[in-house]
Amino acid sequence: MKQIEYDITKKAEEYISNISSNNYSDEENLINKCLGVLIQDGLYSYFLFLMNEEKLRLKGISFNILSNNTNTNKYISDLETLQEEILTDLDEIFLSREILERFLTYIRFMLKSKKDGGE
């Protein structure tokens, strides 16, 4: 398994780099909603929430992070593969949830920093 922390940080930076400064508040609200769904309702609900077209980029990056940092045999690109590869293994569920919580938290803090004028 690669350096998970490094991959999560790079993916969060990648996500932030494509957001215009006019949308920081909207993105922060979206990330807060995503975190809430992930924490309260679980991994599968998180991806169902992201199925909305506006959230396709975030869904793609989330699938990519899980594919690169979990013990999966296939690339995760849809809900069916998520069910087969991750949702059948409790350890993988916990690892995936931790990875995504950290990813979303980093995005939230990066957005706050940029919104408040930091780089």
Foldseek 3Di string as FASTA:
>chain_A
DDDLVVLLLVLLVVVVVPDDLVCLVVVLVVLVVLLVCCVPPHDLSSLVVQVPPVNVVVNQSLQQSLQVPAPFPDRDDDSVSCCVGQVVDPVSRVVSSVSVNVSSVSNNVVSVQVNVPHD
